[in-house]
Amino acid sequence: MDPGAVHSYVEVSKDMTTAGTENVQPLDDQVLVRPLDKSTTDSQEGQVIAVGPHEPADLDIQPDDIIRYAKDLGTPINYGKDTFVMISLRDVLEIIDK
């Protein structure tokens, strides 16, 4: 495996307004997402908070991106009064806004 092909660090959103999330380090292909109020029957929109080291590194999902992901998947995680969702990169359907 080419070490240059894998992120060697965890990327974290610059908008860390929720206490505790600044130290979150998702593993492998996991993405920490702040769900937004926009959802449909089968998908949910959210703001990417942190992205784990993943391969291929050319997947262009970055902290602060707005994404659409498969609804009702992932693991809910509470930080303070906020609820986030840890999802796999394969559950991301599209990047809406970078």
PDB file of N, CA and C in Angstrom:
ATOM      1  N   MET A   1       0.851  -1.176   0.000  1.00  0.00           N
ATOM      2  CA  MET A   1       0.000   0.000   0.000  1.00  0.00           C
ATOM      3  C   MET A   1       0.895   1.237   0.000  1.00  0.00           C
ATOM      4  N   ASP A   2       0.557   2.181  -0.855  1.00  0.00           N
ATOM      5  CA  ASP A   2       1.310   3.430  -0.946  1.00  0.00           C
ATOM      6  C   ASP A   2       0.904   4.349   0.204  1.00  0.00           C
ATOM      7  N   PRO A   3       1.807   4.656   1.154  1.00  0.00           N
ATOM      8  CA  PRO A   3       1.434   5.506   2.291  1.00  0.00           C
ATOM      9  C   PRO A   3       0.973   6.888   1.869  1.00  0.00           C
ATOM     10  N   GLY A   4       1.387   7.346   0.696  1.00  0.00           N
ATOM     11  CA  GLY A   4       0.941   8.650   0.227  1.00  0.00           C
ATOM     12  C   GLY A   4      -0.507   8.654  -0.219  1.00  0.00           C
ATOM     13  N   ALA A   5      -1.105   7.467  -0.398  1.00  0.00           N
ATOM     14  CA  ALA A   5      -2.475   7.375  -0.878  1.00  0.00           C
ATOM     15  C   ALA A   5      -3.490   7.427   0.250  1.00  0.00           C
ATOM     16  N   VAL A   6      -3.035   7.407   1.483  1.00  0.00           N
ATOM     17  CA  VAL A   6      -3.951   7.394   2.623  1.00  0.00           C
ATOM     18  C   VAL A   6      -3.705   8.626   3.472  1.00  0.00           C
ATOM     19  N   HIS A   7      -4.790   9.263   3.902  1.00  0.00           N
ATOM     20  CA  HIS A   7      -4.632  10.407   4.801  1.00  0.00           C
ATOM     21  C   HIS A   7      -3.960   9.923   6.079  1.00  0.00           C
ATOM     22  N   SER A   8      -2.956  10.629   6.523  1.00  0.00           N
ATOM     23  CA  SER A   8      -2.278  10.245   7.757  1.00  0.00           C
ATOM     24  C   SER A   8      -2.762  11.090   8.931  1.00  0.00           C
ATOM     25  N   TYR A   9      -3.800  11.825   8.735  1.00  0.00           N
ATOM     26  CA  TYR A   9      -4.343  12.671   9.785  1.00  0.00           C
ATOM     27  C   TYR A   9      -5.859  12.693   9.672  1.00  0.00           C
ATOM     28  N   VAL A  10      -6.497  13.206  10.697  1.00  0.00           N
ATOM     29  CA  VAL A  10      -7.944  13.343  10.703  1.00  0.00           C
ATOM     30  C   VAL A  10      -8.268  14.799  10.463  1.00  0.00           C
ATOM     31  N   GLU A  11      -9.149  15.044   9.516  1.00  0.00           N
ATOM     32  CA  GLU A  11      -9.543  16.411   9.213  1.00  0.00           C
ATOM     33  C   GLU A  11     -10.774  16.767  10.038  1.00  0.00           C
ATOM     34  N   VAL A  12     -10.783  17.952  10.619  1.00  0.00           N
ATOM     35  CA  VAL A  12     -11.878  18.378  11.487  1.00  0.00           C
ATOM     36  C   VAL A  12     -12.381  19.741  11.044  1.00  0.00           C
ATOM     37  N   SER A  13     -13.692  19.922  11.117  1.00  0.00           N
ATOM     38  CA  SER A  13     -14.340  21.163  10.717  1.00  0.00           C
ATOM     39  C   SER A  13     -13.773  22.367  11.456  1.00  0.00           C
ATOM     40  N   LYS A  14     -13.699  23.503  10.767  1.00  0.00           N
ATOM     41  CA  LYS A  14     -13.263  24.749  11.393  1.00  0.00           C
ATOM     42  C   LYS A  14     -14.365  25.337  12.271  1.00  0.00           C
ATOM     43  N   ASP A  15     -15.609  24.916  12.043  1.00  0.00           N
ATOM     44  CA  ASP A  15     -16.761  25.428  12.776  1.00  0.00           C
ATOM     45  C   ASP A  15     -17.079  24.498  13.944  1.00  0.00           C
ATOM     46  N   MET A  16     -16.212  24.478  14.927  1.00  0.00           N
ATOM     47  CA  MET A  16     -16.389  23.583  16.055  1.00  0.00           C
ATOM     48  C   MET A  16     -17.065  24.332  17.205  1.00  0.00           C
ATOM     49  N   THR A  17     -18.360  24.564  17.053  1.00  0.00           N
ATOM     50  CA  THR A  17     -19.094  25.335  18.055  1.00  0.00           C
ATOM     51  C   THR A  17     -19.645  24.451  19.159  1.00  0.00           C
ATOM     52  N   THR A  18     -19.530  23.149  19.017  1.00  0.00           N
ATOM     53  CA  THR A  18     -20.061  22.242  20.016  1.00  0.00           C
ATOM     54  C   THR A  18     -18.927  21.685  20.856  1.00  0.00           C
ATOM     55  N   ALA A  19     -19.017  21.851  22.155  1.00  0.00           N
ATOM     56  CA  ALA A  19     -17.960  21.389  23.056  1.00  0.00           C
ATOM     57  C   ALA A  19     -17.739  19.895  22.902  1.00  0.00           C
ATOM     58  N   GLY A  20     -16.497  19.505  22.818  1.00  0.00           N
ATOM     59  CA  GLY A  20     -16.152  18.097  22.761  1.00  0.00           C
ATOM     60  C   GLY A  20     -15.879  17.564  21.377  1.00  0.00           C
ATOM     61  N   THR A  21     -16.433  18.158  20.328  1.00  0.00           N
ATOM     62  CA  THR A  21     -16.259  17.593  18.993  1.00  0.00           C
ATOM     63  C   THR A  21     -14.908  17.920  18.382  1.00  0.00           C
ATOM     64  N   GLU A  22     -14.190  18.889  18.929  1.00  0.00           N
ATOM     65  CA  GLU A  22     -12.899  19.251  18.348  1.00  0.00           C
ATOM     66  C   GLU A  22     -11.863  18.133  18.488  1.00  0.00           C
ATOM     67  N   ASN A  23     -12.088  17.179  19.373  1.00  0.00           N
ATOM     68  CA  ASN A  23     -11.147  16.081  19.574  1.00  0.00           C
ATOM     69  C   ASN A  23     -11.622  14.771  18.959  1.00  0.00           C
ATOM     70  N   VAL A  24     -12.698  14.804  18.201  1.00  0.00           N
ATOM     71  CA  VAL A  24     -13.230  13.591  17.590  1.00  0.00           C
ATOM     72  C   VAL A  24     -12.304  13.137  16.475  1.00  0.00           C
ATOM     73  N   GLN A  25     -11.981  11.852  16.456  1.00  0.00           N
ATOM     74  CA  GLN A  25     -11.132  11.281  15.425  1.00  0.00           C
ATOM     75  C   GLN A  25     -11.795  10.032  14.861  1.00  0.00           C
ATOM     76  N   PRO A  26     -12.637  10.194  13.831  1.00  0.00           N
ATOM     77  CA  PRO A  26     -13.264   9.015  13.222  1.00  0.00           C
ATOM     78  C   PRO A  26     -12.183   8.059  12.702  1.00  0.00           C
ATOM     79  N   LEU A  27     -12.483   6.776  12.735  1.00  0.00           N
ATOM     80  CA  LEU A  27     -11.556   5.767  12.254  1.00  0.00           C
ATOM     81  C   LEU A  27     -11.910   5.359  10.822  1.00  0.00           C
ATOM     82  N   ASP A  28     -10.926   4.885  10.105  1.00  0.00           N
ATOM     83  CA  ASP A  28     -11.090   4.331   8.763  1.00  0.00           C
ATOM     84  C   ASP A  28     -11.918   5.231   7.854  1.00  0.00           C
ATOM     85  N   ASP A  29     -13.033   4.703   7.351  1.00  0.00           N
ATOM     86  CA  ASP A  29     -13.859   5.443   6.384  1.00  0.00           C
ATOM     87  C   ASP A  29     -15.061   6.110   7.049  1.00  0.00           C
ATOM     88  N   GLN A  30     -14.946   6.407   8.341  1.00  0.00           N
ATOM     89  CA  GLN A  30     -16.072   6.998   9.065  1.00  0.00           C
ATOM     90  C   GLN A  30     -16.084   8.523   8.939  1.00  0.00           C
ATOM     91  N   VAL A  31     -17.294   9.086   8.967  1.00  0.00           N
ATOM     92  CA  VAL A  31     -17.506  10.525   8.833  1.00  0.00           C
ATOM     93  C   VAL A  31     -18.457  10.963   9.942  1.00  0.00           C
ATOM     94  N   LEU A  32     -18.075  11.982  10.710  1.00  0.00           N
ATOM     95  CA  LEU A  32     -18.966  12.547  11.724  1.00  0.00           C
ATOM     96  C   LEU A  32     -19.750  13.671  11.067  1.00  0.00           C
ATOM     97  N   VAL A  33     -21.088  13.594  11.157  1.00  0.00           N
ATOM     98  CA  VAL A  33     -21.982  14.522  10.466  1.00  0.00           C
ATOM     99  C   VAL A  33     -22.930  15.169  11.464  1.00  0.00           C
ATOM    100  N   ARG A  34     -23.143  16.474  11.291  1.00  0.00           N
ATOM    101  CA  ARG A  34     -24.178  17.193  12.044  1.00  0.00           C
ATOM    102  C   ARG A  34     -25.413  17.216  11.155  1.00  0.00           C
ATOM    103  N   PRO A  35     -26.477  16.464  11.492  1.00  0.00           N
ATOM    104  CA  PRO A  35     -27.667  16.461  10.651  1.00  0.00           C
ATOM    105  C   PRO A  35     -28.293  17.850  10.558  1.00  0.00           C
ATOM    106  N   LEU A  36     -28.761  18.195   9.370  1.00  0.00           N
ATOM    107  CA  LEU A  36     -29.482  19.442   9.146  1.00  0.00           C
ATOM    108  C   LEU A  36     -30.965  19.126   9.085  1.00  0.00           C
ATOM    109  N   ASP A  37     -31.797  20.142   9.113  1.00  0.00           N
ATOM    110  CA  ASP A  37     -33.242  19.940   9.136  1.00  0.00           C
ATOM    111  C   ASP A  37     -33.806  19.441   7.813  1.00  0.00           C
ATOM    112  N   LYS A  38     -33.006  19.445   6.760  1.00  0.00           N
ATOM    113  CA  LYS A  38     -33.490  19.047   5.448  1.00  0.00           C
ATOM    114  C   LYS A  38     -33.401  17.537   5.279  1.00  0.00           C
ATOM    115  N   SER A  39     -34.553  16.895   5.083  1.00  0.00           N
ATOM    116  CA  SER A  39     -34.540  15.457   4.838  1.00  0.00           C
ATOM    117  C   SER A  39     -35.696  15.092   3.920  1.00  0.00           C
ATOM    118  N   THR A  40     -35.567  13.940   3.276  1.00  0.00           N
ATOM    119  CA  THR A  40     -36.634  13.384   2.461  1.00  0.00           C
ATOM    120  C   THR A  40     -36.970  12.022   3.059  1.00  0.00           C
ATOM    121  N   THR A  41     -37.798  11.262   2.381  1.00  0.00           N
ATOM    122  CA  THR A  41     -38.171   9.955   2.928  1.00  0.00           C
ATOM    123  C   THR A  41     -37.001   8.982   2.953  1.00  0.00           C
ATOM    124  N   ASP A  42     -35.995   9.191   2.096  1.00  0.00           N
ATOM    125  CA  ASP A  42     -34.893   8.237   2.043  1.00  0.00           C
ATOM    126  C   ASP A  42     -33.503   8.844   2.196  1.00  0.00           C
ATOM    127  N   SER A  43     -33.414  10.148   2.411  1.00  0.00           N
ATOM    128  CA  SER A  43     -32.091  10.760   2.585  1.00  0.00           C
ATOM    129  C   SER A  43     -32.141  11.922   3.567  1.00  0.00           C
ATOM    130  N   GLN A  44     -30.965  12.296   4.043  1.00  0.00           N
ATOM    131  CA  GLN A  44     -30.802  13.356   5.039  1.00  0.00           C
ATOM    132  C   GLN A  44     -29.628  14.219   4.619  1.00  0.00           C
ATOM    133  N   GLU A  45     -29.714  15.521   4.868  1.00  0.00           N
ATOM    134  CA  GLU A  45     -28.583  16.406   4.626  1.00  0.00           C
ATOM    135  C   GLU A  45     -27.859  16.668   5.946  1.00  0.00           C
ATOM    136  N   GLY A  46     -26.540  16.906   5.850  1.00  0.00           N
ATOM    137  CA  GLY A  46     -25.773  17.183   7.049  1.00  0.00           C
ATOM    138  C   GLY A  46     -24.472  17.887   6.725  1.00  0.00           C
ATOM    139  N   GLN A  47     -23.889  18.502   7.768  1.00  0.00           N
ATOM    140  CA  GLN A  47     -22.597  19.167   7.650  1.00  0.00           C
ATOM    141  C   GLN A  47     -21.528  18.214   8.156  1.00  0.00           C
ATOM    142  N   VAL A  48     -20.485  18.007   7.361  1.00  0.00           N
ATOM    143  CA  VAL A  48     -19.378  17.152   7.756  1.00  0.00           C
ATOM    144  C   VAL A  48     -18.581  17.862   8.846  1.00  0.00           C
ATOM    145  N   ILE A  49     -18.374  17.175   9.964  1.00  0.00           N
ATOM    146  CA  ILE A  49     -17.615  17.719  11.089  1.00  0.00           C
ATOM    147  C   ILE A  49     -16.197  17.162  11.098  1.00  0.00           C
ATOM    148  N   ALA A  50     -16.048  15.864  10.874  1.00  0.00           N
ATOM    149  CA  ALA A  50     -14.721  15.241  10.862  1.00  0.00           C
ATOM    150  C   ALA A  50     -14.732  14.051   9.912  1.00  0.00           C
ATOM    151  N   VAL A  51     -13.584  13.825   9.273  1.00  0.00           N
ATOM    152  CA  VAL A  51     -13.421  12.727   8.316  1.00  0.00           C
ATOM    153  C   VAL A  51     -12.238  11.886   8.761  1.00  0.00           C
ATOM    154  N   GLY A  52     -12.433  10.576   8.837  1.00  0.00           N
ATOM    155  CA  GLY A  52     -11.349   9.681   9.216  1.00  0.00           C
ATOM    156  C   GLY A  52     -10.380   9.447   8.071  1.00  0.00           C
ATOM    157  N   PRO A  53      -9.230   8.857   8.379  1.00  0.00           N
ATOM    158  CA  PRO A  53      -8.262   8.528   7.328  1.00  0.00           C
ATOM    159  C   PRO A  53      -8.858   7.417   6.475  1.00  0.00           C
ATOM    160  N   HIS A  54      -8.935   7.630   5.187  1.00  0.00           N
ATOM    161  CA  HIS A  54      -9.614   6.667   4.322  1.00  0.00           C
ATOM    162  C   HIS A  54      -8.854   6.473   3.020  1.00  0.00           C
ATOM    163  N   GLU A  55      -9.176   5.388   2.368  1.00  0.00           N
ATOM    164  CA  GLU A  55      -8.590   5.083   1.070  1.00  0.00           C
ATOM    165  C   GLU A  55      -9.733   4.783   0.123  1.00  0.00           C
ATOM    166  N   PRO A  56      -9.798   5.252  -1.066  1.00  0.00           N
ATOM    167  CA  PRO A  56      -8.778   6.099  -1.675  1.00  0.00           C
ATOM    168  C   PRO A  56      -8.849   7.525  -1.151  1.00  0.00           C
ATOM    169  N   ALA A  57      -7.700   8.160  -1.070  1.00  0.00           N
ATOM    170  CA  ALA A  57      -7.611   9.514  -0.545  1.00  0.00           C
ATOM    171  C   ALA A  57      -8.194  10.541  -1.503  1.00  0.00           C
ATOM    172  N   ASP A  58      -8.488  10.129  -2.733  1.00  0.00           N
ATOM    173  CA  ASP A  58      -9.035  11.079  -3.696  1.00  0.00           C
ATOM    174  C   ASP A  58     -10.530  11.325  -3.513  1.00  0.00           C
ATOM    175  N   LEU A  59     -11.178  10.621  -2.577  1.00  0.00           N
ATOM    176  CA  LEU A  59     -12.566  10.946  -2.266  1.00  0.00           C
ATOM    177  C   LEU A  59     -12.568  12.334  -1.647  1.00  0.00           C
ATOM    178  N   ASP A  60     -13.257  13.240  -2.265  1.00  0.00           N
ATOM    179  CA  ASP A  60     -13.128  14.652  -1.917  1.00  0.00           C
ATOM    180  C   ASP A  60     -14.172  15.109  -0.913  1.00  0.00           C
ATOM    181  N   ILE A  61     -14.324  14.418   0.188  1.00  0.00           N
ATOM    182  CA  ILE A  61     -15.226  14.846   1.250  1.00  0.00           C
ATOM    183  C   ILE A  61     -14.372  15.483   2.326  1.00  0.00           C
ATOM    184  N   GLN A  62     -14.684  16.733   2.646  1.00  0.00           N
ATOM    185  CA  GLN A  62     -13.887  17.521   3.583  1.00  0.00           C
ATOM    186  C   GLN A  62     -14.780  18.049   4.703  1.00  0.00           C
ATOM    187  N   PRO A  63     -14.205  18.368   5.856  1.00  0.00           N
ATOM    188  CA  PRO A  63     -14.969  19.039   6.907  1.00  0.00           C
ATOM    189  C   PRO A  63     -15.605  20.316   6.367  1.00  0.00           C
ATOM    190  N   ASP A  64     -16.776  20.613   6.836  1.00  0.00           N
ATOM    191  CA  ASP A  64     -17.597  21.765   6.463  1.00  0.00           C
ATOM    192  C   ASP A  64     -18.404  21.546   5.182  1.00  0.00           C
ATOM    193  N   ASP A  65     -18.163  20.446   4.435  1.00  0.00           N
ATOM    194  CA  ASP A  65     -18.998  20.149   3.267  1.00  0.00           C
ATOM    195  C   ASP A  65     -20.414  19.851   3.731  1.00  0.00           C
ATOM    196  N   ILE A  66     -21.376  20.174   2.892  1.00  0.00           N
ATOM    197  CA  ILE A  66     -22.765  19.767   3.117  1.00  0.00           C
ATOM    198  C   ILE A  66     -23.002  18.566   2.214  1.00  0.00           C
ATOM    199  N   ILE A  67     -23.450  17.463   2.818  1.00  0.00           N
ATOM    200  CA  ILE A  67     -23.641  16.228   2.074  1.00  0.00           C
ATOM    201  C   ILE A  67     -25.074  15.723   2.222  1.00  0.00           C
ATOM    202  N   ARG A  68     -25.451  14.819   1.325  1.00  0.00           N
ATOM    203  CA  ARG A  68     -26.697  14.067   1.463  1.00  0.00           C
ATOM    204  C   ARG A  68     -26.273  12.621   1.699  1.00  0.00           C
ATOM    205  N   TYR A  69     -26.875  11.998   2.718  1.00  0.00           N
ATOM    206  CA  TYR A  69     -26.513  10.628   3.050  1.00  0.00           C
ATOM    207  C   TYR A  69     -27.763   9.796   3.277  1.00  0.00           C
ATOM    208  N   ALA A  70     -27.602   8.489   3.221  1.00  0.00           N
ATOM    209  CA  ALA A  70     -28.714   7.574   3.397  1.00  0.00           C
ATOM    210  C   ALA A  70     -29.316   7.747   4.793  1.00  0.00           C
ATOM    211  N   LYS A  71     -30.616   7.954   4.831  1.00  0.00           N
ATOM    212  CA  LYS A  71     -31.311   8.209   6.093  1.00  0.00           C
ATOM    213  C   LYS A  71     -31.409   6.929   6.931  1.00  0.00           C
ATOM    214  N   ASP A  72     -31.456   7.096   8.219  1.00  0.00           N
ATOM    215  CA  ASP A  72     -31.613   6.005   9.185  1.00  0.00           C
ATOM    216  C   ASP A  72     -30.433   5.045   9.222  1.00  0.00           C
ATOM    217  N   LEU A  73     -29.269   5.486   8.753  1.00  0.00           N
ATOM    218  CA  LEU A  73     -28.056   4.685   8.865  1.00  0.00           C
ATOM    219  C   LEU A  73     -27.093   5.416   9.780  1.00  0.00           C
ATOM    220  N   GLY A  74     -26.105   4.721  10.257  1.00  0.00           N
ATOM    221  CA  GLY A  74     -25.104   5.354  11.098  1.00  0.00           C
ATOM    222  C   GLY A  74     -25.427   5.217  12.571  1.00  0.00           C
ATOM    223  N   THR A  75     -24.537   5.758  13.367  1.00  0.00           N
ATOM    224  CA  THR A  75     -24.648   5.676  14.817  1.00  0.00           C
ATOM    225  C   THR A  75     -24.819   7.066  15.397  1.00  0.00           C
ATOM    226  N   PRO A  76     -25.948   7.327  16.094  1.00  0.00           N
ATOM    227  CA  PRO A  76     -26.126   8.634  16.734  1.00  0.00           C
ATOM    228  C   PRO A  76     -25.120   8.797  17.879  1.00  0.00           C
ATOM    229  N   ILE A  77     -24.531   9.998  17.972  1.00  0.00           N
ATOM    230  CA  ILE A  77     -23.566  10.309  19.020  1.00  0.00           C
ATOM    231  C   ILE A  77     -23.947  11.658  19.612  1.00  0.00           C
ATOM    232  N   ASN A  78     -24.060  11.718  20.929  1.00  0.00           N
ATOM    233  CA  ASN A  78     -24.420  12.961  21.602  1.00  0.00           C
ATOM    234  C   ASN A  78     -23.183  13.639  22.168  1.00  0.00           C
ATOM    235  N   TYR A  79     -23.048  14.939  21.879  1.00  0.00           N
ATOM    236  CA  TYR A  79     -22.026  15.796  22.466  1.00  0.00           C
ATOM    237  C   TYR A  79     -22.768  16.975  23.056  1.00  0.00           C
ATOM    238  N   GLY A  80     -22.783  17.065  24.368  1.00  0.00           N
ATOM    239  CA  GLY A  80     -23.548  18.137  25.005  1.00  0.00           C
ATOM    240  C   GLY A  80     -25.024  18.000  24.641  1.00  0.00           C
ATOM    241  N   LYS A  81     -25.605  19.069  24.141  1.00  0.00           N
ATOM    242  CA  LYS A  81     -27.016  19.068  23.760  1.00  0.00           C
ATOM    243  C   LYS A  81     -27.228  18.687  22.295  1.00  0.00           C
ATOM    244  N   ASP A  82     -26.139  18.514  21.546  1.00  0.00           N
ATOM    245  CA  ASP A  82     -26.242  18.225  20.117  1.00  0.00           C
ATOM    246  C   ASP A  82     -26.103  16.739  19.828  1.00  0.00           C
ATOM    247  N   THR A  83     -26.805  16.293  18.782  1.00  0.00           N
ATOM    248  CA  THR A  83     -26.702  14.924  18.320  1.00  0.00           C
ATOM    249  C   THR A  83     -26.067  14.912  16.945  1.00  0.00           C
ATOM    250  N   PHE A  84     -25.068  14.073  16.785  1.00  0.00           N
ATOM    251  CA  PHE A  84     -24.367  13.890  15.523  1.00  0.00           C
ATOM    252  C   PHE A  84     -24.593  12.460  15.072  1.00  0.00           C
ATOM    253  N   VAL A  85     -24.162  12.157  13.851  1.00  0.00           N
ATOM    254  CA  VAL A  85     -24.270  10.803  13.335  1.00  0.00           C
ATOM    255  C   VAL A  85     -22.916  10.407  12.759  1.00  0.00           C
ATOM    256  N   MET A  86     -22.436   9.228  13.124  1.00  0.00           N
ATOM    257  CA  MET A  86     -21.215   8.672  12.543  1.00  0.00           C
ATOM    258  C   MET A  86     -21.656   7.727  11.435  1.00  0.00           C
ATOM    259  N   ILE A  87     -21.261   8.045  10.191  1.00  0.00           N
ATOM    260  CA  ILE A  87     -21.643   7.226   9.045  1.00  0.00           C
ATOM    261  C   ILE A  87     -20.399   6.757   8.301  1.00  0.00           C
ATOM    262  N   SER A  88     -20.587   5.797   7.435  1.00  0.00           N
ATOM    263  CA  SER A  88     -19.514   5.327   6.570  1.00  0.00           C
ATOM    264  C   SER A  88     -19.505   6.169   5.300  1.00  0.00           C
ATOM    265  N   LEU A  89     -18.338   6.342   4.706  1.00  0.00           N
ATOM    266  CA  LEU A  89     -18.257   7.078   3.434  1.00  0.00           C
ATOM    267  C   LEU A  89     -19.167   6.480   2.374  1.00  0.00           C
ATOM    268  N   ARG A  90     -19.355   5.166   2.396  1.00  0.00           N
ATOM    269  CA  ARG A  90     -20.196   4.528   1.381  1.00  0.00           C
ATOM    270  C   ARG A  90     -21.670   4.915   1.517  1.00  0.00           C
ATOM    271  N   ASP A  91     -22.054   5.502   2.664  1.00  0.00           N
ATOM    272  CA  ASP A  91     -23.438   5.950   2.854  1.00  0.00           C
ATOM    273  C   ASP A  91     -23.667   7.373   2.357  1.00  0.00           C
ATOM    274  N   VAL A  92     -22.593   8.053   1.939  1.00  0.00           N
ATOM    275  CA  VAL A  92     -22.718   9.407   1.384  1.00  0.00           C
ATOM    276  C   VAL A  92     -23.218   9.294  -0.052  1.00  0.00           C
ATOM    277  N   LEU A  93     -24.333   9.960  -0.331  1.00  0.00           N
ATOM    278  CA  LEU A  93     -24.936   9.893  -1.665  1.00  0.00           C
ATOM    279  C   LEU A  93     -24.398  10.980  -2.585  1.00  0.00           C
ATOM    280  N   GLU A  94     -24.153  12.181  -2.036  1.00  0.00           N
ATOM    281  CA  GLU A  94     -23.634  13.273  -2.852  1.00  0.00           C
ATOM    282  C   GLU A  94     -23.107  14.394  -1.976  1.00  0.00           C
ATOM    283  N   ILE A  95     -22.213  15.193  -2.547  1.00  0.00           N
ATOM    284  CA  ILE A  95     -21.749  16.420  -1.906  1.00  0.00           C
ATOM    285  C   ILE A  95     -22.593  17.541  -2.484  1.00  0.00           C
ATOM    286  N   ILE A  96     -23.317  18.259  -1.637  1.00  0.00           N
ATOM    287  CA  ILE A  96     -24.210  19.321  -2.092  1.00  0.00           C
ATOM    288  C   ILE A  96     -23.483  20.644  -2.201  1.00  0.00           C
ATOM    289  N   ASP A  97     -22.660  20.960  -1.193  1.00  0.00           N
ATOM    290  CA  ASP A  97     -21.971  22.258  -1.161  1.00  0.00           C
ATOM    291  C   ASP A  97     -20.610  22.079  -0.510  1.00  0.00           C
ATOM    292  N   LYS A  98     -19.597  22.639  -1.147  1.00  0.00           N
ATOM    293  CA  LYS A  98     -18.236  22.577  -0.607  1.00  0.00           C
ATOM    294  C   LYS A  98     -17.876  23.910   0.017  1.00  0.00           C
TER     295      LYS A  98
END
